[in-house]
Structures are given as structure tokens and as C-alpha cells.
Protein backbone atom coordinates (compact mmCIF):
# COMPACT_ATOMS: atom_id res chain seq x y z
CA UNK A 1 71.18 -53.11 -6.02
CA UNK A 2 68.81 -52.41 -8.90
CA UNK A 3 68.74 -48.74 -9.81
CA UNK A 4 66.22 -48.91 -12.67
CA UNK A 5 62.90 -50.71 -12.87
CA UNK A 6 63.42 -53.24 -15.70
CA UNK A 7 59.68 -53.64 -16.25
CA UNK A 8 59.51 -50.08 -17.59
CA UNK A 9 62.67 -50.19 -19.72
CA UNK A 10 62.73 -50.24 -23.49
CA UNK A 11 66.17 -50.55 -25.08
CA UNK A 12 66.77 -49.35 -28.65
CA UNK A 13 69.90 -50.32 -30.60
CA UNK A 14 71.31 -48.88 -33.78
CA UNK A 15 72.89 -51.60 -35.95
CA UNK A 16 75.86 -50.46 -38.05
CA UNK A 17 78.93 -49.63 -35.96
CA UNK A 18 76.88 -50.44 -32.85
CA UNK A 19 75.74 -54.07 -32.95
CA UNK A 20 77.93 -54.76 -35.99
CA UNK A 21 81.60 -53.81 -35.73
CA UNK A 22 81.48 -52.03 -39.10
CA UNK A 23 79.11 -50.16 -41.38
CA UNK A 24 77.83 -53.16 -43.32
CA UNK A 25 76.22 -51.27 -46.21
CA UNK A 26 79.06 -48.79 -46.65
CA UNK A 27 81.52 -51.69 -46.89
CA UNK A 28 79.43 -53.22 -49.67
CA UNK A 29 79.79 -50.20 -51.92
CA UNK A 30 83.43 -50.50 -53.07
CA UNK A 31 83.02 -54.28 -53.36
CA UNK A 32 79.82 -54.54 -55.38
CA UNK A 33 79.11 -51.19 -57.08
CA UNK A 34 79.21 -51.11 -60.88
CA UNK A 35 80.81 -47.64 -60.94
CA UNK A 36 81.97 -44.83 -58.64
CA UNK A 37 78.72 -42.87 -58.48
CA UNK A 38 78.31 -44.05 -54.89
CA UNK A 39 81.33 -41.93 -53.93
CA UNK A 40 79.69 -38.71 -55.13
CA UNK A 41 76.43 -39.62 -53.40
CA UNK A 42 78.29 -40.30 -50.17
CA UNK A 43 80.06 -36.93 -50.34
CA UNK A 44 76.79 -35.13 -51.10
CA UNK A 45 75.18 -36.84 -48.08
CA UNK A 46 78.09 -35.97 -45.79
CA UNK A 47 77.88 -32.32 -46.88
CA UNK A 48 74.13 -32.24 -46.26
CA UNK A 49 73.23 -31.72 -49.92
CA UNK A 50 71.02 -34.82 -49.93
CA UNK A 51 69.34 -36.94 -47.25
CA UNK A 52 70.01 -40.60 -46.60
CA UNK A 53 66.96 -41.65 -48.65
CA UNK A 54 68.37 -40.18 -51.86
CA UNK A 55 71.85 -41.38 -50.97
CA UNK A 56 70.85 -44.97 -50.17
CA UNK A 57 68.48 -45.26 -53.13
CA UNK A 58 71.15 -44.07 -55.54
CA UNK A 59 73.86 -46.21 -54.04
CA UNK A 60 71.84 -49.42 -53.92
CA UNK A 61 70.72 -48.92 -57.52
CA UNK A 62 74.39 -49.00 -58.45
CA UNK A 63 75.07 -52.35 -56.79
CA UNK A 64 75.25 -55.56 -58.79
CA UNK A 65 75.13 -58.69 -56.62
CA UNK A 66 73.31 -62.00 -56.45
CA UNK A 67 71.53 -63.24 -53.35
CA UNK A 68 74.13 -65.96 -52.95
CA UNK A 69 77.03 -63.52 -53.15
CA UNK A 70 75.35 -61.17 -50.70
CA UNK A 71 74.82 -64.01 -48.24
CA UNK A 72 78.47 -64.95 -48.49
CA UNK A 73 79.48 -61.38 -47.67
CA UNK A 74 76.98 -61.09 -44.81
CA UNK A 75 78.18 -64.34 -43.25
CA UNK A 76 81.58 -62.68 -42.72
CA UNK A 77 80.24 -59.73 -40.71
CA UNK A 78 81.33 -59.65 -37.08
CA UNK A 79 79.13 -58.48 -34.23
CA UNK A 80 80.33 -56.83 -31.06
CA UNK A 81 81.01 -59.89 -28.87
CA UNK A 82 79.04 -58.36 -25.99
CA UNK A 83 75.83 -58.02 -27.97
CA UNK A 84 74.86 -61.65 -27.38
CA UNK A 85 75.55 -61.20 -23.69
CA UNK A 86 73.34 -58.12 -23.59
CA UNK A 87 70.51 -59.91 -25.41
CA UNK A 88 70.74 -62.86 -23.03
CA UNK A 89 70.84 -60.66 -19.93
CA UNK A 90 68.00 -58.37 -20.98
CA UNK A 91 65.88 -61.29 -22.11
CA UNK A 92 66.34 -62.91 -18.71
CA UNK A 93 65.01 -59.72 -17.12
CA UNK A 94 62.18 -59.54 -19.71
CA UNK A 95 63.35 -56.15 -20.93
CA UNK A 96 62.02 -55.08 -24.33
CA UNK A 97 64.69 -54.68 -27.02
CA UNK A 98 64.40 -53.30 -30.55
CA UNK A 99 66.74 -52.49 -33.41
CA UNK A 100 66.29 -49.23 -35.35
CA UNK A 101 68.40 -49.07 -38.49
CA UNK A 102 68.78 -47.07 -41.69
CA UNK A 103 70.11 -50.28 -43.27
CA UNK A 104 67.90 -52.96 -44.88
CA UNK A 105 65.85 -55.76 -43.32
CA UNK A 106 67.32 -58.65 -45.33
CA UNK A 107 70.86 -57.58 -44.47
CA UNK A 108 70.20 -57.24 -40.75
CA UNK A 109 68.18 -60.45 -40.41
CA UNK A 110 70.74 -62.53 -42.26
CA UNK A 111 73.62 -61.21 -40.18
CA UNK A 112 71.75 -61.81 -36.93
CA UNK A 113 70.76 -65.27 -38.17
CA UNK A 114 74.35 -66.15 -39.03
CA UNK A 115 75.19 -65.19 -35.45
CA UNK A 116 72.35 -67.29 -33.97
CA UNK A 117 70.33 -64.31 -32.76
CA UNK A 118 66.60 -64.77 -33.30
CA UNK A 119 63.29 -63.11 -32.50
CA UNK A 120 64.71 -59.60 -32.20
CA UNK A 121 62.28 -56.91 -33.34
CA UNK A 122 63.77 -54.90 -36.21
CA UNK A 123 62.62 -51.69 -37.87
CA UNK A 124 64.57 -50.78 -41.01
CA UNK A 125 64.33 -50.12 -44.72
CA UNK A 126 63.35 -53.11 -46.86
CA UNK A 127 65.01 -54.98 -49.67
CA UNK A 128 63.93 -57.27 -52.52
CA UNK A 129 65.93 -59.06 -55.20
CA UNK A 130 65.65 -58.83 -58.99
CA UNK A 131 68.29 -61.19 -60.44
CA UNK A 132 71.60 -59.43 -59.69
CA UNK A 133 69.98 -56.19 -58.61
CA UNK A 134 68.72 -54.99 -55.23
CA UNK A 135 65.39 -53.17 -55.04
CA UNK A 136 64.99 -50.88 -51.99
CA UNK A 137 61.77 -49.89 -50.23
CA UNK A 138 61.41 -47.23 -47.56
CA UNK A 139 58.18 -47.89 -45.63
CA UNK A 140 59.21 -45.83 -42.60
CA UNK A 141 60.30 -42.69 -44.40
CA UNK A 142 58.83 -39.46 -43.06
CA UNK A 143 57.46 -37.08 -45.68
CA UNK A 144 58.06 -34.20 -43.26
CA UNK A 145 61.80 -34.88 -42.94
CA UNK A 146 64.33 -35.46 -45.70
CA UNK A 147 67.28 -36.28 -43.43
CA UNK A 148 66.77 -40.03 -42.90
CA UNK A 149 65.42 -42.82 -45.07
CA UNK A 150 63.97 -44.48 -41.97
CA UNK A 151 62.31 -42.28 -39.37
CA UNK A 152 63.65 -43.96 -36.26
CA UNK A 153 61.84 -41.50 -34.05
CA UNK A 154 58.44 -42.62 -35.34
CA UNK A 155 59.16 -46.26 -34.52
CA UNK A 156 60.69 -45.41 -31.17
CA UNK A 157 57.60 -43.47 -30.11
CA UNK A 158 55.32 -46.28 -31.34
CA UNK A 159 56.99 -48.74 -28.96
CA UNK A 160 56.92 -46.84 -25.68
CA UNK A 161 54.35 -45.72 -23.14
CA UNK A 162 54.14 -42.56 -21.07
CA UNK A 163 56.07 -44.13 -18.18
CA UNK A 164 58.69 -46.00 -20.24
CA UNK A 165 62.36 -45.64 -19.35
CA UNK A 166 63.96 -45.28 -22.79
CA UNK A 167 67.56 -46.37 -23.34
CA UNK A 168 69.17 -45.60 -26.70
CA UNK A 169 72.49 -46.92 -28.03
CA UNK A 170 73.90 -45.52 -31.25
CA UNK A 171 76.67 -43.77 -33.10
CA UNK A 172 75.52 -41.87 -36.17
CA UNK A 173 73.55 -39.06 -37.72
CA UNK A 174 70.34 -41.10 -37.98
CA UNK A 175 70.46 -41.63 -34.20
CA UNK A 176 70.43 -37.94 -33.28
CA UNK A 177 66.68 -37.36 -33.49
CA UNK A 178 65.42 -40.53 -31.72
CA UNK A 179 68.06 -40.39 -29.00
CA UNK A 180 66.70 -37.06 -27.81
CA UNK A 181 63.57 -38.86 -26.60
CA UNK A 182 65.64 -41.23 -24.47
CA UNK A 183 66.19 -41.06 -20.74
CA UNK A 184 69.60 -42.71 -21.06
CA UNK A 185 71.81 -42.46 -24.14
CA UNK A 186 74.99 -44.35 -24.97
CA UNK A 187 76.81 -42.52 -27.74
CA UNK A 188 80.00 -42.65 -29.78
CA UNK A 189 81.36 -41.07 -32.95
CA UNK A 190 78.94 -38.58 -34.62
CA UNK A 191 76.22 -39.05 -32.01
CA UNK A 192 78.67 -38.42 -29.17
CA UNK A 193 79.98 -35.29 -30.88
CA UNK A 194 76.42 -33.98 -31.22
CA UNK A 195 75.68 -34.52 -27.54
CA UNK A 196 78.96 -32.95 -26.51
CA UNK A 197 78.47 -29.94 -28.81
CA UNK A 198 74.94 -29.42 -27.45
CA UNK A 199 76.13 -30.04 -23.87
CA UNK A 200 73.58 -32.83 -23.47
CA UNK A 201 74.00 -35.70 -21.04
CA UNK A 202 75.03 -39.10 -22.37
CA UNK A 203 77.35 -41.99 -21.66
CA UNK A 204 80.29 -42.26 -24.02
CA UNK A 205 81.05 -45.85 -24.98
CA UNK A 206 83.73 -47.55 -27.04
CA UNK A 207 82.14 -50.98 -27.35
CA UNK A 208 79.06 -52.77 -26.07
CA UNK A 209 81.11 -54.03 -23.14
CA UNK A 210 80.61 -50.57 -21.62
CA UNK A 211 76.85 -50.89 -22.13
CA UNK A 212 76.79 -54.44 -20.76
CA UNK A 213 78.67 -53.38 -17.63
CA UNK A 214 76.17 -50.57 -17.07
CA UNK A 215 73.23 -52.95 -17.42
CA UNK A 216 74.79 -55.40 -14.99
CA UNK A 217 75.22 -52.66 -12.41
CA UNK A 218 71.79 -51.16 -12.94
CA UNK A 219 69.19 -53.83 -13.30
CA UNK A 220 70.31 -57.20 -14.62
């Protein structure tokens, strides 16, 4: 029995620690940074002294890596094995899916490509190459908010209508704001703690198998 009208559903995924089984960018830092400045930036971000824009910009400026070396690293990244199943199932039901990430477009697209996932709409920060340096761009940054480098909320709201049923799946600090616009939230880690502390309703999940099982019961 279908409990939700799939024609009205829009599903938003975070990427790191949600679709990917790790934080892809964070794992790059000890491998490819020229010095330990990234550690201080990370601590300042965790303590709320700086937002993710300042943190990411500073950290990526400290990375030294060629495009070839980056591709080699990205080809090793594992996705949650149920993500492909979710994409296939939702596509079959013609349900709109989008990825909202505070990571970078090249990184996400290459990982998805290595895993044979195509034509998935992605909103993220952007990246260009300059020899062995990475040049970041933040086209979706909000001037009104210094918390996130990518305003996920803005892109969520741009992709829904008044009668949309919004489903959000995430884990981190950058997911807190957009998830509050969702009708159904799957949360773990920092996002789950926020919802629990605020006594807000959400579904706790450990892996995307939990999300897949819910979709199968509800409308797929």
C-alpha cells in the first residue's frame, strides 16, 4: 500500500557520510595538505569561531595535488551500497532526487561517475585546477549567513513547490537548516543530535538500507 504520493515527493541527499561512507574532503586533508594549518581551521570551525566557508577556503588552499592524483584518490571512495538501489527505485517511480553538499562539484561528480551513477542533479561548491593547486568557488554562499559555504536551504527551496512532500537525508551541521523545511527527515550523527535536543521528529538511520526499506514500504 502506497502511503505517500510519489508525484509530489522531492528527495534531498547530503553527500559526505550519507551517500559516501566517509567524509571525502576531510580524509583528503592529512593526505594532501602541505602543512598542519588545516587542523587549526578544523578546530576553529568545530568551536564555531569560523564558518565552513572560511574553513574550507583555508583548508583547500593548503592542499597540493594534481588532477591525476585526485582522481586516483576519488576512485577509491566507497558509496553506501544501498544508494544505487535507492536511485534505481526512485527513478522507476519518477521521483525527483537532488544532492546538496558543502563539498565540491568535481569531487562529487567524479566519485558518482566512478560508481556508474549519472544524471543526478548536484548543488555544491565548485572547484578548478591550477597545476598542483585547487581553486575553490562558492556560488551558493549566502551573504546573510556565515555558517555554511553552500546555502543548502536556498537550493532546496528553489526545487520545490507549495505542495511538495520534502524528504531530507543527512548527518551534519550543514544539514540542520535545510532539513527543517522537510516533511520527513532521516538523520544521524550531528543532525540526529540536533533533532533529539530540539525534540523534533525524525527517523534515525544507520545506513541507507534504513532509508531504502522506508521507501519500499511507502511508495516504491
